[in-house]
Amino acid sequence: MTDPVSVLLKYGFLAVLYLFLLWVSRSALKDLRRSNAQLSAPGPGWDAPPDATAMHASPASAAELEALDPRLVVERAPGHTAGMEYEIGQGAVLGRGDQAEIRLEDPFASSRHARLVRQGSALVLEDLGSTNGTYLNEELLGGPQPLHPGDRVRIGDSEFTYMEGG
């Protein structure tokens, strides 16, 4: 005959195990829902309210925007050649995924890691809720920040310099 205490302990252990599995699956579903909400966030053509980036840029003419010729220059990045340039235009998404305009072969980059968005005459860098964060001039990005010529953008082991003009 089995001891009632050992049977009780077995069932108690199974109950705790099932509660743990339920908690893990609930957390995973919550993370997936949050990821889907970020994917459905407004895209690069979206203009945030001026106070979202703490800047109030005046609208620029098409000629002024074209003259800026914003681009990212590769300083170092796995799978890229140093000195390579990416034209930004109206904006771009950086990441490991297929939807990113600037593909990173970096294990520390998320599939949609960060994006560059044109707001008025400025180009704004924004982290898209990445796991490892985005760094601007070696400081962790806390929110959308305007880029200035010479700024350094780092995602994992990939580093770029922001440039404007010819």
N, C-alpha and C. Protein backbone atom coordinates (compact mmCIF):
# COMPACT_ATOMS: atom_id res chain seq x y z
N MET A 1 0.84 -1.18 0.00
CA MET A 1 0.00 0.00 0.00
C MET A 1 0.89 1.24 0.00
N THR A 2 0.45 2.26 -0.71
CA THR A 2 1.23 3.50 -0.77
C THR A 2 0.88 4.40 0.39
N ASP A 3 1.87 5.09 0.80
CA ASP A 3 1.74 6.01 1.93
C ASP A 3 0.94 7.24 1.48
N PRO A 4 -0.11 7.65 2.19
CA PRO A 4 -0.92 8.80 1.78
C PRO A 4 -0.11 10.10 1.69
N VAL A 5 0.92 10.24 2.50
CA VAL A 5 1.74 11.46 2.46
C VAL A 5 2.51 11.53 1.14
N SER A 6 3.05 10.41 0.68
CA SER A 6 3.81 10.42 -0.58
C SER A 6 2.88 10.69 -1.77
N VAL A 7 1.67 10.14 -1.73
CA VAL A 7 0.69 10.42 -2.78
C VAL A 7 0.34 11.91 -2.80
N LEU A 8 0.13 12.46 -1.63
CA LEU A 8 -0.19 13.89 -1.52
C LEU A 8 0.96 14.74 -2.05
N LEU A 9 2.19 14.37 -1.73
CA LEU A 9 3.35 15.11 -2.23
C LEU A 9 3.46 15.02 -3.75
N LYS A 10 3.20 13.84 -4.31
CA LYS A 10 3.24 13.68 -5.77
C LYS A 10 2.22 14.60 -6.45
N TYR A 11 0.99 14.59 -5.96
CA TYR A 11 -0.05 15.44 -6.55
C TYR A 11 0.24 16.93 -6.32
N GLY A 12 0.79 17.25 -5.19
CA GLY A 12 1.17 18.64 -4.92
C GLY A 12 2.25 19.10 -5.89
N PHE A 13 3.24 18.23 -6.13
CA PHE A 13 4.30 18.56 -7.08
C PHE A 13 3.73 18.75 -8.48
N LEU A 14 2.83 17.87 -8.91
CA LEU A 14 2.21 18.01 -10.23
C LEU A 14 1.41 19.30 -10.33
N ALA A 15 0.71 19.67 -9.28
CA ALA A 15 -0.08 20.91 -9.29
C ALA A 15 0.86 22.12 -9.45
N VAL A 16 1.96 22.15 -8.72
CA VAL A 16 2.92 23.25 -8.83
C VAL A 16 3.53 23.28 -10.22
N LEU A 17 3.84 22.11 -10.78
CA LEU A 17 4.40 22.03 -12.14
C LEU A 17 3.43 22.60 -13.17
N TYR A 18 2.16 22.22 -13.09
CA TYR A 18 1.16 22.74 -14.01
C TYR A 18 0.96 24.24 -13.84
N LEU A 19 0.98 24.74 -12.63
CA LEU A 19 0.86 26.19 -12.42
C LEU A 19 2.05 26.93 -13.03
N PHE A 20 3.24 26.36 -12.89
CA PHE A 20 4.42 26.96 -13.49
C PHE A 20 4.30 27.00 -15.01
N LEU A 21 3.87 25.90 -15.63
CA LEU A 21 3.70 25.87 -17.09
C LEU A 21 2.64 26.87 -17.55
N LEU A 22 1.58 26.99 -16.79
CA LEU A 22 0.54 27.97 -17.10
C LEU A 22 1.10 29.38 -17.04
N TRP A 23 1.90 29.68 -16.03
CA TRP A 23 2.50 31.01 -15.88
C TRP A 23 3.46 31.32 -17.05
N VAL A 24 4.28 30.33 -17.47
CA VAL A 24 5.22 30.51 -18.58
C VAL A 24 4.46 30.77 -19.88
N SER A 25 3.43 29.98 -20.16
CA SER A 25 2.67 30.17 -21.41
C SER A 25 1.93 31.51 -21.40
N ARG A 26 1.40 31.92 -20.26
CA ARG A 26 0.73 33.22 -20.16
C ARG A 26 1.70 34.36 -20.43
N SER A 27 2.91 34.27 -19.87
CA SER A 27 3.92 35.30 -20.10
C SER A 27 4.33 35.35 -21.57
N ALA A 28 4.48 34.18 -22.18
CA ALA A 28 4.86 34.14 -23.60
C ALA A 28 3.78 34.76 -24.47
N LEU A 29 2.52 34.46 -24.19
CA LEU A 29 1.43 35.05 -24.96
C LEU A 29 1.37 36.57 -24.79
N LYS A 30 1.62 37.04 -23.58
CA LYS A 30 1.63 38.48 -23.33
C LYS A 30 2.74 39.15 -24.15
N ASP A 31 3.93 38.54 -24.20
CA ASP A 31 5.03 39.09 -25.00
C ASP A 31 4.71 39.08 -26.48
N LEU A 32 4.06 38.02 -26.95
CA LEU A 32 3.68 37.96 -28.36
C LEU A 32 2.67 39.04 -28.72
N ARG A 33 1.71 39.26 -27.85
CA ARG A 33 0.72 40.32 -28.11
C ARG A 33 1.39 41.68 -28.15
N ARG A 34 2.37 41.91 -27.25
CA ARG A 34 3.09 43.19 -27.23
C ARG A 34 3.90 43.35 -28.52
N SER A 35 4.54 42.28 -29.01
CA SER A 35 5.30 42.34 -30.26
C SER A 35 4.40 42.67 -31.43
N ASN A 36 3.22 42.05 -31.49
CA ASN A 36 2.27 42.33 -32.58
C ASN A 36 1.80 43.77 -32.53
N ALA A 37 1.62 44.31 -31.34
CA ALA A 37 1.19 45.71 -31.22
C ALA A 37 2.27 46.64 -31.74
N GLN A 38 3.54 46.31 -31.50
CA GLN A 38 4.63 47.13 -32.01
C GLN A 38 4.72 47.04 -33.52
N LEU A 39 4.48 45.84 -34.09
CA LEU A 39 4.53 45.68 -35.53
C LEU A 39 3.44 46.47 -36.22
N SER A 40 2.29 46.62 -35.56
CA SER A 40 1.21 47.36 -36.18
C SER A 40 1.27 48.85 -35.85
N ALA A 41 2.34 49.28 -35.19
CA ALA A 41 2.52 50.70 -34.90
C ALA A 41 2.69 51.45 -36.21
N PRO A 42 2.43 52.73 -36.21
CA PRO A 42 2.56 53.49 -37.44
C PRO A 42 3.96 53.36 -38.04
N GLY A 43 4.02 53.34 -39.35
CA GLY A 43 5.29 53.12 -40.05
C GLY A 43 6.09 54.39 -40.22
N PRO A 44 7.15 54.31 -41.07
CA PRO A 44 8.07 55.43 -41.24
C PRO A 44 7.40 56.71 -41.75
N GLY A 45 6.26 56.60 -42.43
CA GLY A 45 5.60 57.80 -42.93
C GLY A 45 4.80 58.53 -41.87
N TRP A 46 4.73 57.98 -40.69
CA TRP A 46 3.93 58.53 -39.61
C TRP A 46 4.61 59.75 -39.01
N ASP A 47 3.87 60.82 -38.82
CA ASP A 47 4.40 62.01 -38.16
C ASP A 47 3.87 62.05 -36.74
N ALA A 48 4.78 61.93 -35.78
CA ALA A 48 4.40 61.98 -34.37
C ALA A 48 4.09 63.41 -33.99
N PRO A 49 3.32 63.60 -32.93
CA PRO A 49 3.10 64.96 -32.45
C PRO A 49 4.45 65.58 -32.10
N PRO A 50 4.59 66.91 -32.28
CA PRO A 50 5.89 67.54 -32.06
C PRO A 50 6.50 67.25 -30.70
N ASP A 51 5.67 67.14 -29.64
CA ASP A 51 6.24 66.92 -28.32
C ASP A 51 6.73 65.49 -28.11
N ALA A 52 6.46 64.57 -29.04
CA ALA A 52 6.91 63.19 -28.89
C ALA A 52 8.43 63.09 -28.94
N THR A 53 9.08 64.02 -29.61
CA THR A 53 10.55 63.99 -29.69
C THR A 53 11.16 65.22 -29.03
N ALA A 54 10.36 66.02 -28.40
CA ALA A 54 10.82 67.24 -27.74
C ALA A 54 11.47 68.20 -28.71
N MET A 55 11.01 68.20 -29.95
CA MET A 55 11.53 69.16 -30.92
C MET A 55 10.37 69.67 -31.75
N HIS A 56 10.50 70.88 -32.20
CA HIS A 56 9.45 71.51 -32.97
C HIS A 56 10.06 72.03 -34.26
N ALA A 57 10.28 71.11 -35.19
CA ALA A 57 10.91 71.47 -36.46
C ALA A 57 9.88 72.11 -37.37
N SER A 58 10.33 73.10 -38.10
CA SER A 58 9.44 73.71 -39.08
C SER A 58 9.39 72.82 -40.31
N PRO A 59 8.26 72.79 -40.99
CA PRO A 59 8.17 71.95 -42.17
C PRO A 59 9.21 72.38 -43.21
N ALA A 60 9.88 71.40 -43.81
CA ALA A 60 10.90 71.69 -44.80
C ALA A 60 10.33 71.46 -46.19
N SER A 61 10.84 72.21 -47.13
CA SER A 61 10.42 72.01 -48.50
C SER A 61 11.05 70.75 -49.06
N ALA A 62 10.52 70.24 -50.16
CA ALA A 62 11.06 69.02 -50.77
C ALA A 62 12.50 69.23 -51.19
N ALA A 63 12.84 70.42 -51.66
CA ALA A 63 14.22 70.72 -52.09
C ALA A 63 15.17 70.67 -50.90
N GLU A 64 14.72 71.21 -49.74
CA GLU A 64 15.57 71.18 -48.54
C GLU A 64 15.81 69.74 -48.08
N LEU A 65 14.75 68.92 -48.11
CA LEU A 65 14.89 67.53 -47.70
C LEU A 65 15.83 66.78 -48.63
N GLU A 66 15.71 67.03 -49.92
CA GLU A 66 16.57 66.36 -50.89
C GLU A 66 18.02 66.78 -50.72
N ALA A 67 18.25 68.04 -50.37
CA ALA A 67 19.61 68.55 -50.22
C ALA A 67 20.30 67.95 -49.00
N LEU A 68 19.53 67.51 -48.00
CA LEU A 68 20.14 66.92 -46.80
C LEU A 68 20.86 65.62 -47.11
N ASP A 69 20.30 64.79 -47.99
CA ASP A 69 20.89 63.52 -48.39
C ASP A 69 21.36 62.71 -47.18
N PRO A 70 20.43 62.37 -46.25
CA PRO A 70 20.85 61.65 -45.05
C PRO A 70 21.30 60.23 -45.37
N ARG A 71 22.34 59.77 -44.67
CA ARG A 71 22.82 58.40 -44.87
C ARG A 71 23.55 57.91 -43.63
N LEU A 72 23.59 56.59 -43.50
CA LEU A 72 24.35 55.95 -42.44
C LEU A 72 25.60 55.32 -43.07
N VAL A 73 26.76 55.58 -42.47
CA VAL A 73 28.02 55.02 -42.94
C VAL A 73 28.42 53.93 -41.96
N VAL A 74 28.73 52.75 -42.50
CA VAL A 74 29.12 51.61 -41.66
C VAL A 74 30.53 51.84 -41.12
N GLU A 75 30.64 51.83 -39.79
CA GLU A 75 31.96 51.89 -39.15
C GLU A 75 32.45 50.47 -38.93
N ARG A 76 31.56 49.65 -38.36
CA ARG A 76 31.84 48.22 -38.19
C ARG A 76 30.50 47.52 -38.02
N ALA A 77 30.35 46.41 -38.70
CA ALA A 77 29.12 45.62 -38.59
C ALA A 77 29.36 44.25 -39.20
N PRO A 78 28.98 43.19 -38.49
CA PRO A 78 29.14 41.85 -39.05
C PRO A 78 28.43 41.73 -40.40
N GLY A 79 29.15 41.24 -41.41
CA GLY A 79 28.57 41.05 -42.74
C GLY A 79 28.57 42.30 -43.60
N HIS A 80 29.11 43.41 -43.12
CA HIS A 80 29.17 44.66 -43.88
C HIS A 80 30.62 45.11 -44.01
N THR A 81 30.90 45.88 -45.05
CA THR A 81 32.23 46.43 -45.26
C THR A 81 32.27 47.83 -44.66
N ALA A 82 33.32 48.13 -43.89
CA ALA A 82 33.46 49.47 -43.31
C ALA A 82 33.50 50.50 -44.45
N GLY A 83 32.80 51.61 -44.25
CA GLY A 83 32.73 52.67 -45.26
C GLY A 83 31.51 52.56 -46.16
N MET A 84 30.81 51.43 -46.12
CA MET A 84 29.59 51.24 -46.90
C MET A 84 28.56 52.28 -46.47
N GLU A 85 27.76 52.81 -47.39
CA GLU A 85 26.78 53.83 -47.06
C GLU A 85 25.37 53.37 -47.40
N TYR A 86 24.43 53.70 -46.51
CA TYR A 86 23.01 53.45 -46.74
C TYR A 86 22.30 54.79 -46.84
N GLU A 87 21.61 55.02 -47.95
CA GLU A 87 20.81 56.24 -48.10
C GLU A 87 19.53 56.05 -47.30
N ILE A 88 19.18 57.05 -46.52
CA ILE A 88 18.03 56.95 -45.63
C ILE A 88 16.76 57.50 -46.27
N GLY A 89 16.85 58.60 -47.00
CA GLY A 89 15.66 59.19 -47.61
C GLY A 89 14.67 59.64 -46.56
N GLN A 90 13.46 59.08 -46.58
CA GLN A 90 12.41 59.45 -45.64
C GLN A 90 12.44 58.62 -44.37
N GLY A 91 13.30 57.59 -44.33
CA GLY A 91 13.39 56.77 -43.13
C GLY A 91 13.74 55.33 -43.48
N ALA A 92 14.03 54.54 -42.45
CA ALA A 92 14.38 53.13 -42.66
C ALA A 92 14.27 52.40 -41.33
N VAL A 93 14.08 51.09 -41.42
CA VAL A 93 14.08 50.23 -40.24
C VAL A 93 15.38 49.43 -40.26
N LEU A 94 16.03 49.35 -39.09
CA LEU A 94 17.25 48.57 -38.94
C LEU A 94 16.92 47.33 -38.13
N GLY A 95 17.42 46.17 -38.56
CA GLY A 95 17.17 44.95 -37.80
C GLY A 95 17.60 43.71 -38.55
N ARG A 96 17.38 42.58 -37.92
CA ARG A 96 17.75 41.28 -38.49
C ARG A 96 16.69 40.71 -39.40
N GLY A 97 15.47 41.17 -39.29
CA GLY A 97 14.35 40.58 -40.02
C GLY A 97 14.29 40.95 -41.48
N ASP A 98 13.42 40.23 -42.20
CA ASP A 98 13.24 40.46 -43.64
C ASP A 98 12.59 41.81 -43.94
N GLN A 99 11.87 42.37 -42.97
CA GLN A 99 11.16 43.63 -43.19
C GLN A 99 12.06 44.85 -43.00
N ALA A 100 13.28 44.65 -42.54
CA ALA A 100 14.19 45.76 -42.29
C ALA A 100 14.84 46.23 -43.59
N GLU A 101 14.87 47.54 -43.80
CA GLU A 101 15.55 48.09 -44.98
C GLU A 101 17.06 47.98 -44.85
N ILE A 102 17.56 48.11 -43.62
CA ILE A 102 18.99 47.93 -43.36
C ILE A 102 19.13 46.66 -42.54
N ARG A 103 19.53 45.58 -43.22
CA ARG A 103 19.63 44.26 -42.58
C ARG A 103 20.92 44.13 -41.78
N LEU A 104 20.80 43.71 -40.55
CA LEU A 104 21.95 43.52 -39.68
C LEU A 104 22.16 42.03 -39.44
N GLU A 105 23.37 41.57 -39.64
CA GLU A 105 23.71 40.17 -39.37
C GLU A 105 24.37 40.10 -38.00
N ASP A 106 23.69 40.67 -37.03
CA ASP A 106 24.22 40.81 -35.68
C ASP A 106 23.34 40.03 -34.72
N PRO A 107 23.91 39.10 -33.95
CA PRO A 107 23.09 38.30 -33.03
C PRO A 107 22.43 39.12 -31.92
N PHE A 108 22.93 40.34 -31.69
CA PHE A 108 22.36 41.19 -30.64
C PHE A 108 21.26 42.12 -31.16
N ALA A 109 20.97 42.05 -32.46
CA ALA A 109 19.94 42.89 -33.05
C ALA A 109 18.61 42.14 -33.09
N SER A 110 17.53 42.86 -32.84
CA SER A 110 16.18 42.29 -32.95
C SER A 110 15.76 42.31 -34.41
N SER A 111 14.67 41.61 -34.75
CA SER A 111 14.24 41.58 -36.15
C SER A 111 13.83 42.97 -36.63
N ARG A 112 13.16 43.74 -35.80
CA ARG A 112 12.86 45.16 -36.06
C ARG A 112 13.42 45.90 -34.86
N HIS A 113 14.66 46.31 -34.95
CA HIS A 113 15.38 46.83 -33.79
C HIS A 113 15.15 48.33 -33.58
N ALA A 114 15.37 49.11 -34.62
CA ALA A 114 15.24 50.57 -34.50
C ALA A 114 14.77 51.12 -35.84
N ARG A 115 14.29 52.35 -35.81
CA ARG A 115 13.91 52.97 -37.08
C ARG A 115 14.33 54.43 -37.10
N LEU A 116 14.53 54.89 -38.31
CA LEU A 116 14.83 56.30 -38.58
C LEU A 116 13.59 56.86 -39.25
N VAL A 117 13.08 57.97 -38.75
CA VAL A 117 11.85 58.57 -39.26
C VAL A 117 12.11 60.05 -39.55
N ARG A 118 11.66 60.50 -40.71
CA ARG A 118 11.77 61.91 -41.07
C ARG A 118 10.66 62.66 -40.35
N GLN A 119 11.04 63.70 -39.59
CA GLN A 119 10.06 64.57 -38.94
C GLN A 119 10.48 66.00 -39.24
N GLY A 120 9.74 66.62 -40.16
CA GLY A 120 10.12 67.96 -40.60
C GLY A 120 11.45 67.90 -41.33
N SER A 121 12.39 68.72 -40.91
CA SER A 121 13.71 68.71 -41.55
C SER A 121 14.70 67.84 -40.78
N ALA A 122 14.24 67.14 -39.75
CA ALA A 122 15.14 66.31 -38.93
C ALA A 122 14.86 64.83 -39.17
N LEU A 123 15.89 64.04 -38.94
CA LEU A 123 15.76 62.59 -38.97
C LEU A 123 15.84 62.11 -37.52
N VAL A 124 14.87 61.32 -37.10
CA VAL A 124 14.76 60.91 -35.70
C VAL A 124 15.03 59.42 -35.58
N LEU A 125 15.86 59.04 -34.60
CA LEU A 125 16.17 57.64 -34.31
C LEU A 125 15.28 57.18 -33.17
N GLU A 126 14.68 56.00 -33.33
CA GLU A 126 13.76 55.48 -32.33
C GLU A 126 13.97 53.97 -32.16
N ASP A 127 14.12 53.52 -30.92
CA ASP A 127 14.23 52.09 -30.64
C ASP A 127 12.83 51.49 -30.71
N LEU A 128 12.71 50.29 -31.27
CA LEU A 128 11.40 49.66 -31.44
C LEU A 128 11.14 48.58 -30.39
N GLY A 129 11.56 48.85 -29.15
CA GLY A 129 11.34 47.88 -28.08
C GLY A 129 12.28 46.70 -28.16
N SER A 130 13.49 46.93 -28.64
CA SER A 130 14.46 45.85 -28.79
C SER A 130 14.90 45.31 -27.43
N THR A 131 15.42 44.09 -27.46
CA THR A 131 15.87 43.44 -26.23
C THR A 131 17.13 44.10 -25.69
N ASN A 132 18.09 44.39 -26.57
CA ASN A 132 19.40 44.88 -26.13
C ASN A 132 19.58 46.39 -26.24
N GLY A 133 18.59 47.10 -26.73
CA GLY A 133 18.65 48.55 -26.78
C GLY A 133 19.43 49.09 -27.97
N THR A 134 19.24 50.38 -28.20
CA THR A 134 19.92 51.12 -29.26
C THR A 134 20.71 52.23 -28.59
N TYR A 135 21.92 52.45 -29.04
CA TYR A 135 22.79 53.46 -28.44
C TYR A 135 23.04 54.59 -29.43
N LEU A 136 22.93 55.82 -28.94
CA LEU A 136 23.25 57.01 -29.72
C LEU A 136 24.38 57.70 -29.00
N ASN A 137 25.54 57.79 -29.66
CA ASN A 137 26.74 58.36 -29.07
C ASN A 137 27.06 57.71 -27.72
N GLU A 138 26.98 56.39 -27.70
CA GLU A 138 27.30 55.54 -26.54
C GLU A 138 26.37 55.73 -25.34
N GLU A 139 25.21 56.33 -25.56
CA GLU A 139 24.20 56.45 -24.51
C GLU A 139 22.96 55.68 -24.95
N LEU A 140 22.41 54.89 -24.03
CA LEU A 140 21.22 54.10 -24.32
C LEU A 140 20.07 55.05 -24.67
N LEU A 141 19.41 54.77 -25.77
CA LEU A 141 18.30 55.60 -26.24
C LEU A 141 17.11 55.40 -25.32
N GLY A 142 16.61 56.50 -24.74
CA GLY A 142 15.47 56.42 -23.83
C GLY A 142 14.17 56.75 -24.52
N GLY A 143 14.24 57.32 -25.71
CA GLY A 143 13.07 57.72 -26.47
C GLY A 143 13.55 58.23 -27.81
N PRO A 144 12.65 58.66 -28.67
CA PRO A 144 13.06 59.17 -29.98
C PRO A 144 14.02 60.36 -29.83
N GLN A 145 15.10 60.35 -30.63
CA GLN A 145 16.09 61.42 -30.57
C GLN A 145 16.44 61.88 -31.98
N PRO A 146 16.54 63.20 -32.21
CA PRO A 146 16.95 63.69 -33.53
C PRO A 146 18.44 63.39 -33.75
N LEU A 147 18.79 63.10 -35.01
CA LEU A 147 20.19 62.83 -35.36
C LEU A 147 20.84 64.09 -35.90
N HIS A 148 22.13 64.21 -35.61
CA HIS A 148 22.94 65.32 -36.11
C HIS A 148 24.14 64.73 -36.82
N PRO A 149 24.66 65.41 -37.85
CA PRO A 149 25.82 64.88 -38.55
C PRO A 149 26.95 64.51 -37.58
N GLY A 150 27.52 63.31 -37.78
CA GLY A 150 28.59 62.83 -36.92
C GLY A 150 28.13 61.96 -35.77
N ASP A 151 26.80 61.90 -35.53
CA ASP A 151 26.28 61.04 -34.46
C ASP A 151 26.60 59.59 -34.77
N ARG A 152 26.87 58.82 -33.71
CA ARG A 152 27.18 57.40 -33.86
C ARG A 152 26.01 56.58 -33.32
N VAL A 153 25.52 55.66 -34.14
CA VAL A 153 24.42 54.78 -33.79
C VAL A 153 24.99 53.38 -33.63
N ARG A 154 24.73 52.76 -32.46
CA ARG A 154 25.23 51.40 -32.23
C ARG A 154 24.10 50.47 -31.84
N ILE A 155 24.06 49.33 -32.53
CA ILE A 155 23.12 48.25 -32.24
C ILE A 155 23.96 46.99 -32.10
N GLY A 156 24.08 46.47 -30.89
CA GLY A 156 24.92 45.29 -30.67
C GLY A 156 26.35 45.59 -31.06
N ASP A 157 26.92 44.78 -31.98
CA ASP A 157 28.28 44.98 -32.46
C ASP A 157 28.33 45.82 -33.72
N SER A 158 27.20 46.31 -34.18
CA SER A 158 27.13 47.12 -35.40
C SER A 158 27.13 48.59 -35.06
N GLU A 159 28.01 49.35 -35.73
CA GLU A 159 28.09 50.79 -35.45
C GLU A 159 28.09 51.58 -36.75
N PHE A 160 27.30 52.65 -36.77
CA PHE A 160 27.13 53.50 -37.93
C PHE A 160 27.36 54.96 -37.54
N THR A 161 27.75 55.78 -38.53
CA THR A 161 27.86 57.22 -38.34
C THR A 161 26.82 57.88 -39.22
N TYR A 162 26.08 58.84 -38.68
CA TYR A 162 25.06 59.55 -39.45
C TYR A 162 25.72 60.73 -40.17
N MET A 163 25.45 60.85 -41.47
CA MET A 163 26.01 61.93 -42.28
C MET A 163 24.91 62.59 -43.10
N GLU A 164 25.12 63.84 -43.47
CA GLU A 164 24.22 64.57 -44.36
C GLU A 164 25.05 65.22 -45.45
N GLY A 165 24.39 65.51 -46.56
CA GLY A 165 25.05 66.23 -47.64
C GLY A 165 25.87 65.32 -48.53
N GLY A 166 26.42 65.90 -49.60
CA GLY A 166 27.17 65.16 -50.62
C GLY A 166 28.43 64.62 -50.13
